[in-house]
């Protein structure tokens, strides 16, 4: 598959049947519904070695890692030949997985200067299991990668186990949007336009407190119908406290809402 009209999905999780894989697959399904061919790759099958930061810096000139790395050679060529990219990562301790990090850093080293991906459509997905913390922090490195490589990314999809069902549906919609731009590179006119593009994407500019507020809201939305109605009202109280300049009290209330709603949340199989 060498034509630049296919949508490439890359799963950055070692769990082949996990939420990251399911969300990336859902995005690819949305792309297929729009008529785009797709391909799915698991980074667990192609683990990139750490960049050795070699000197002299020749890899940016010859577009090839100085050291033998079959996984990087395979993945980089797949990405370069794709029409659009969907990159998904699980969230580990508020960050991307190590496999995604190693791929990103080596792509920077070899290709950032020449920018062969400029204008390519891209979608980043981060899945925070467990507590759900880091759902935005985990996707930021992915969008930093898109920005440095001068790709034209659409809005990110931060997901948790609490909003997973709705995230699957939204991933399919976003995959359809990616398909419509697949193979149609639209480079930025200059660096200012690129910076503004990424500054205006949703979620990426959230503070840690706002990210925590988002998580609490998602857990509340996932509550069963018979849940205590006072839990949801706690978010309004938290907002009122924040508006009144009581930031710490607001965070405390958000924490209380999160704890209560996450305990009441019933995960469906």
Protein backbone atom coordinates (compact mmCIF):
# COMPACT_ATOMS: atom_id res chain seq x y z
CA UNK A 1 0.00 0.00 0.00
CA UNK A 2 2.07 2.92 -1.27
CA UNK A 3 -0.42 5.53 -2.45
CA UNK A 4 -0.88 8.61 -0.31
CA UNK A 5 -4.59 8.20 0.15
CA UNK A 6 -4.62 5.61 2.93
CA UNK A 7 -5.18 6.43 6.58
CA UNK A 8 -2.59 4.87 8.86
CA UNK A 9 -3.56 4.00 12.42
CA UNK A 10 -0.76 3.49 14.93
CA UNK A 11 -1.51 1.92 18.31
CA UNK A 12 1.04 2.89 20.96
CA UNK A 13 -0.11 0.39 23.57
CA UNK A 14 1.29 -3.08 24.34
CA UNK A 15 -2.30 -4.24 24.90
CA UNK A 16 -3.52 -5.28 21.45
CA UNK A 17 -7.12 -5.64 22.61
CA UNK A 18 -7.18 -2.59 24.89
CA UNK A 19 -8.97 0.72 24.70
CA UNK A 20 -6.27 2.43 22.65
CA UNK A 21 -6.52 -0.21 19.94
CA UNK A 22 -10.31 -0.02 19.95
CA UNK A 23 -10.37 3.77 19.62
CA UNK A 24 -7.79 3.84 16.81
CA UNK A 25 -9.72 1.04 15.06
CA UNK A 26 -12.94 3.02 15.44
CA UNK A 27 -11.29 6.04 13.80
CA UNK A 28 -10.15 3.84 10.93
CA UNK A 29 -13.67 2.48 10.57
CA UNK A 30 -14.92 6.04 10.20
CA UNK A 31 -12.29 6.61 7.52
CA UNK A 32 -13.36 3.48 5.65
CA UNK A 33 -16.96 4.64 5.72
CA UNK A 34 -15.78 7.71 3.81
CA UNK A 35 -14.13 5.49 1.21
CA UNK A 36 -10.52 5.71 2.38
CA UNK A 37 -8.33 2.60 2.58
CA UNK A 38 -6.78 2.08 6.00
CA UNK A 39 -3.98 0.21 7.71
CA UNK A 40 -3.48 -0.56 11.41
CA UNK A 41 -0.06 -1.01 13.03
CA UNK A 42 0.74 -1.97 16.62
CA UNK A 43 3.93 -0.45 17.95
CA UNK A 44 4.31 -3.55 20.10
CA UNK A 45 5.25 -5.34 16.87
CA UNK A 46 7.83 -2.68 15.95
CA UNK A 47 9.50 -1.24 19.03
CA UNK A 48 11.80 1.64 18.09
CA UNK A 49 15.16 1.82 19.83
CA UNK A 50 16.15 4.92 21.78
CA UNK A 51 17.87 7.67 19.82
CA UNK A 52 21.62 7.75 20.58
CA UNK A 53 21.88 11.44 19.73
CA UNK A 54 24.86 10.70 17.51
CA UNK A 55 27.40 13.28 16.38
CA UNK A 56 28.04 14.42 13.76
CA UNK A 57 24.31 14.84 13.10
CA UNK A 58 24.08 13.16 9.71
CA UNK A 59 20.68 11.47 9.96
CA UNK A 60 18.84 14.71 9.18
CA UNK A 61 20.77 14.90 5.90
CA UNK A 62 20.58 11.29 4.72
CA UNK A 63 17.04 10.78 6.17
CA UNK A 64 18.09 7.55 7.85
CA UNK A 65 19.01 6.53 11.37
CA UNK A 66 22.78 6.05 11.65
CA UNK A 67 22.29 2.85 13.61
CA UNK A 68 20.39 -0.19 12.41
CA UNK A 69 16.80 0.03 13.60
CA UNK A 70 14.45 -2.08 11.51
CA UNK A 71 11.41 -1.01 13.53
CA UNK A 72 12.06 2.69 12.94
CA UNK A 73 12.80 2.13 9.27
CA UNK A 74 9.53 0.25 8.85
CA UNK A 75 7.38 2.70 10.83
CA UNK A 76 8.87 5.87 9.40
CA UNK A 77 8.35 4.68 5.84
CA UNK A 78 4.75 3.73 6.62
CA UNK A 79 4.10 7.18 8.06
CA UNK A 80 5.86 9.00 5.22
CA UNK A 81 3.80 7.17 2.61
CA UNK A 82 0.45 7.61 4.37
CA UNK A 83 -2.19 10.13 3.41
CA UNK A 84 -3.22 10.75 7.02
CA UNK A 85 -2.17 9.54 10.46
CA UNK A 86 -4.09 8.45 13.55
CA UNK A 87 -1.76 8.02 16.52
CA UNK A 88 -3.13 6.60 19.75
CA UNK A 89 -1.42 6.22 23.10
CA UNK A 90 -2.41 4.96 26.53
CA UNK A 91 -1.72 7.37 29.36
CA UNK A 92 0.93 6.25 31.84
CA UNK A 93 1.47 8.62 34.77
CA UNK A 94 0.04 11.61 32.87
CA UNK A 95 2.21 10.92 29.81
CA UNK A 96 2.42 8.91 26.60
CA UNK A 97 3.72 5.36 26.46
CA UNK A 98 7.45 4.77 26.09
CA UNK A 99 6.98 3.20 22.66
CA UNK A 100 5.30 6.35 21.36
CA UNK A 101 7.96 8.56 22.93
CA UNK A 102 10.83 6.67 21.29
CA UNK A 103 9.14 6.83 17.88
CA UNK A 104 8.46 10.56 18.22
CA UNK A 105 11.99 11.45 19.33
CA UNK A 106 13.62 9.55 16.50
CA UNK A 107 11.21 11.06 13.96
CA UNK A 108 12.25 14.48 15.24
CA UNK A 109 15.91 13.68 14.89
CA UNK A 110 15.69 12.34 11.34
CA UNK A 111 12.82 14.26 9.73
CA UNK A 112 11.96 17.46 11.63
CA UNK A 113 14.38 19.62 9.66
CA UNK A 114 13.19 18.50 6.22
CA UNK A 115 9.49 18.33 7.25
CA UNK A 116 8.34 15.67 4.76
CA UNK A 117 4.99 15.41 6.56
CA UNK A 118 4.06 19.08 6.35
CA UNK A 119 0.37 19.58 5.77
CA UNK A 120 -0.57 15.96 6.45
CA UNK A 121 -3.88 15.46 8.29
CA UNK A 122 -3.46 13.88 11.71
CA UNK A 123 -5.48 12.84 14.75
CA UNK A 124 -4.14 12.12 18.22
CA UNK A 125 -5.91 9.91 20.75
CA UNK A 126 -4.98 9.47 24.43
CA UNK A 127 -6.72 6.94 26.66
CA UNK A 128 -6.45 7.30 30.44
CA UNK A 129 -7.58 4.16 32.21
CA UNK A 130 -7.67 3.68 35.96
CA UNK A 131 -8.33 7.04 37.58
CA UNK A 132 -8.60 8.84 34.24
CA UNK A 133 -6.03 11.44 35.25
CA UNK A 134 -3.77 12.70 32.46
CA UNK A 135 -6.33 12.42 29.67
CA UNK A 136 -5.14 15.77 28.25
CA UNK A 137 -1.54 15.70 29.47
CA UNK A 138 -1.07 12.37 27.73
CA UNK A 139 -2.13 13.67 24.33
CA UNK A 140 -0.04 16.86 24.42
CA UNK A 141 3.24 15.14 23.40
CA UNK A 142 1.44 13.63 20.41
CA UNK A 143 0.28 17.08 19.30
CA UNK A 144 3.72 18.53 19.93
CA UNK A 145 4.96 15.88 17.50
CA UNK A 146 2.35 16.88 14.92
CA UNK A 147 3.22 20.55 15.32
CA UNK A 148 7.00 20.11 15.04
CA UNK A 149 6.54 17.91 11.97
CA UNK A 150 4.31 20.66 10.51
CA UNK A 151 1.30 18.36 10.17
CA UNK A 152 -2.23 19.81 10.09
CA UNK A 153 -3.87 18.00 12.99
CA UNK A 154 -7.56 18.11 13.83
CA UNK A 155 -8.92 18.24 17.37
CA UNK A 156 -7.55 15.63 19.78
CA UNK A 157 -9.59 12.92 21.42
CA UNK A 158 -8.85 12.66 25.16
CA UNK A 159 -10.63 9.60 26.52
CA UNK A 160 -11.07 7.75 29.79
CA UNK A 161 -12.75 4.56 30.85
CA UNK A 162 -15.64 6.74 32.02
CA UNK A 163 -16.51 8.21 28.61
CA UNK A 164 -15.23 5.32 26.54
CA UNK A 165 -18.53 4.50 24.80
CA UNK A 166 -19.03 8.06 23.61
CA UNK A 167 -15.33 8.32 22.73
CA UNK A 168 -15.69 5.33 20.40
CA UNK A 169 -18.47 7.12 18.55
CA UNK A 170 -16.53 10.36 18.37
CA UNK A 171 -13.41 8.56 17.14
CA UNK A 172 -15.40 7.28 14.19
CA UNK A 173 -16.57 10.80 13.36
CA UNK A 174 -13.04 12.17 13.58
CA UNK A 175 -11.79 9.30 11.43
CA UNK A 176 -14.26 10.34 8.77
CA UNK A 177 -12.92 13.88 8.88
CA UNK A 178 -9.37 12.60 8.53
CA UNK A 179 -10.36 10.54 5.50
CA UNK A 180 -11.73 13.60 3.74
CA UNK A 181 -8.28 15.20 3.96
CA UNK A 182 -6.25 12.07 3.30
CA UNK A 183 -3.63 12.60 0.63
CA UNK A 184 -4.38 16.31 0.38
CA UNK A 185 -1.43 17.99 2.05
CA UNK A 186 -2.21 21.55 3.11
CA UNK A 187 1.05 23.08 4.40
CA UNK A 188 0.99 26.09 6.69
CA UNK A 189 1.97 29.38 5.09
CA UNK A 190 4.41 30.20 7.88
CA UNK A 191 5.32 29.33 11.44
CA UNK A 192 2.90 31.87 12.89
CA UNK A 193 -0.05 30.25 11.16
CA UNK A 194 1.05 26.85 12.43
CA UNK A 195 1.42 28.05 16.01
CA UNK A 196 -1.98 29.72 15.91
CA UNK A 197 -3.57 26.57 14.49
CA UNK A 198 -2.34 24.47 17.41
CA UNK A 199 -3.07 27.17 19.99
CA UNK A 200 -6.73 27.15 18.96
CA UNK A 201 -7.26 23.38 19.06
CA UNK A 202 -9.48 22.32 21.98
CA UNK A 203 -8.19 20.77 25.22
CA UNK A 204 -4.47 21.35 24.62
CA UNK A 205 -4.39 24.65 26.53
CA UNK A 206 -6.13 23.38 29.65
CA UNK A 207 -4.47 23.93 33.00
CA UNK A 208 -4.04 20.97 35.35
CA UNK A 209 -7.02 22.25 37.34
CA UNK A 210 -9.16 22.51 34.21
CA UNK A 211 -8.08 19.02 33.18
CA UNK A 212 -9.21 17.75 36.55
CA UNK A 213 -12.52 19.56 36.06
CA UNK A 214 -12.94 17.88 32.67
CA UNK A 215 -12.31 14.47 34.22
CA UNK A 216 -14.87 15.10 36.94
CA UNK A 217 -17.42 16.17 34.33
CA UNK A 218 -16.86 12.99 32.32
CA UNK A 219 -17.35 10.80 35.38
CA UNK A 220 -20.57 12.64 36.22
CA UNK A 221 -21.87 12.10 32.68
CA UNK A 222 -21.21 8.38 33.08
CA UNK A 223 -23.25 8.07 36.27
CA UNK A 224 -26.13 5.58 36.29
CA UNK A 225 -29.65 7.10 36.24
CA UNK A 226 -30.24 6.35 39.92
CA UNK A 227 -27.08 8.11 41.12
CA UNK A 228 -27.18 10.74 43.84
CA UNK A 229 -28.18 14.02 42.08
CA UNK A 230 -26.13 16.09 44.53
CA UNK A 231 -22.92 14.71 42.96
CA UNK A 232 -23.53 16.54 39.69
CA UNK A 233 -24.48 19.73 41.50
CA UNK A 234 -21.02 19.74 43.02
CA UNK A 235 -19.54 20.80 39.69
CA UNK A 236 -21.66 23.94 39.67
CA UNK A 237 -20.48 24.68 43.20
CA UNK A 238 -16.86 24.15 42.13
CA UNK A 239 -17.31 26.61 39.26
CA UNK A 240 -18.86 29.15 41.62
CA UNK A 241 -15.95 28.80 44.03
CA UNK A 242 -13.44 29.28 41.21
CA UNK A 243 -15.31 32.34 39.95
CA UNK A 244 -15.13 33.78 43.45
CA UNK A 245 -11.35 33.43 43.55
CA UNK A 246 -11.33 30.36 45.81
CA UNK A 247 -9.26 28.14 43.55
CA UNK A 248 -8.15 25.66 46.22
CA UNK A 249 -11.69 25.22 47.53
CA UNK A 250 -12.84 24.70 43.94
CA UNK A 251 -10.26 21.96 43.40
CA UNK A 252 -11.27 20.32 46.66
CA UNK A 253 -14.89 20.28 45.52
CA UNK A 254 -13.88 18.90 42.11
CA UNK A 255 -11.96 16.14 43.88
CA UNK A 256 -14.99 15.31 45.99
CA UNK A 257 -17.21 15.12 42.91
CA UNK A 258 -14.71 12.92 41.12
CA UNK A 259 -14.36 10.51 44.03
CA UNK A 260 -18.11 10.21 44.50
CA UNK A 261 -18.90 9.81 40.81
CA UNK A 262 -16.08 7.38 40.06
CA UNK A 263 -17.24 5.16 42.92
CA UNK A 264 -20.81 5.29 41.59
CA UNK A 265 -19.70 4.63 38.01
CA UNK A 266 -20.61 1.17 36.74
CA UNK A 267 -18.41 0.08 33.87
CA UNK A 268 -20.29 -1.86 31.22
CA UNK A 269 -18.61 -4.90 29.66
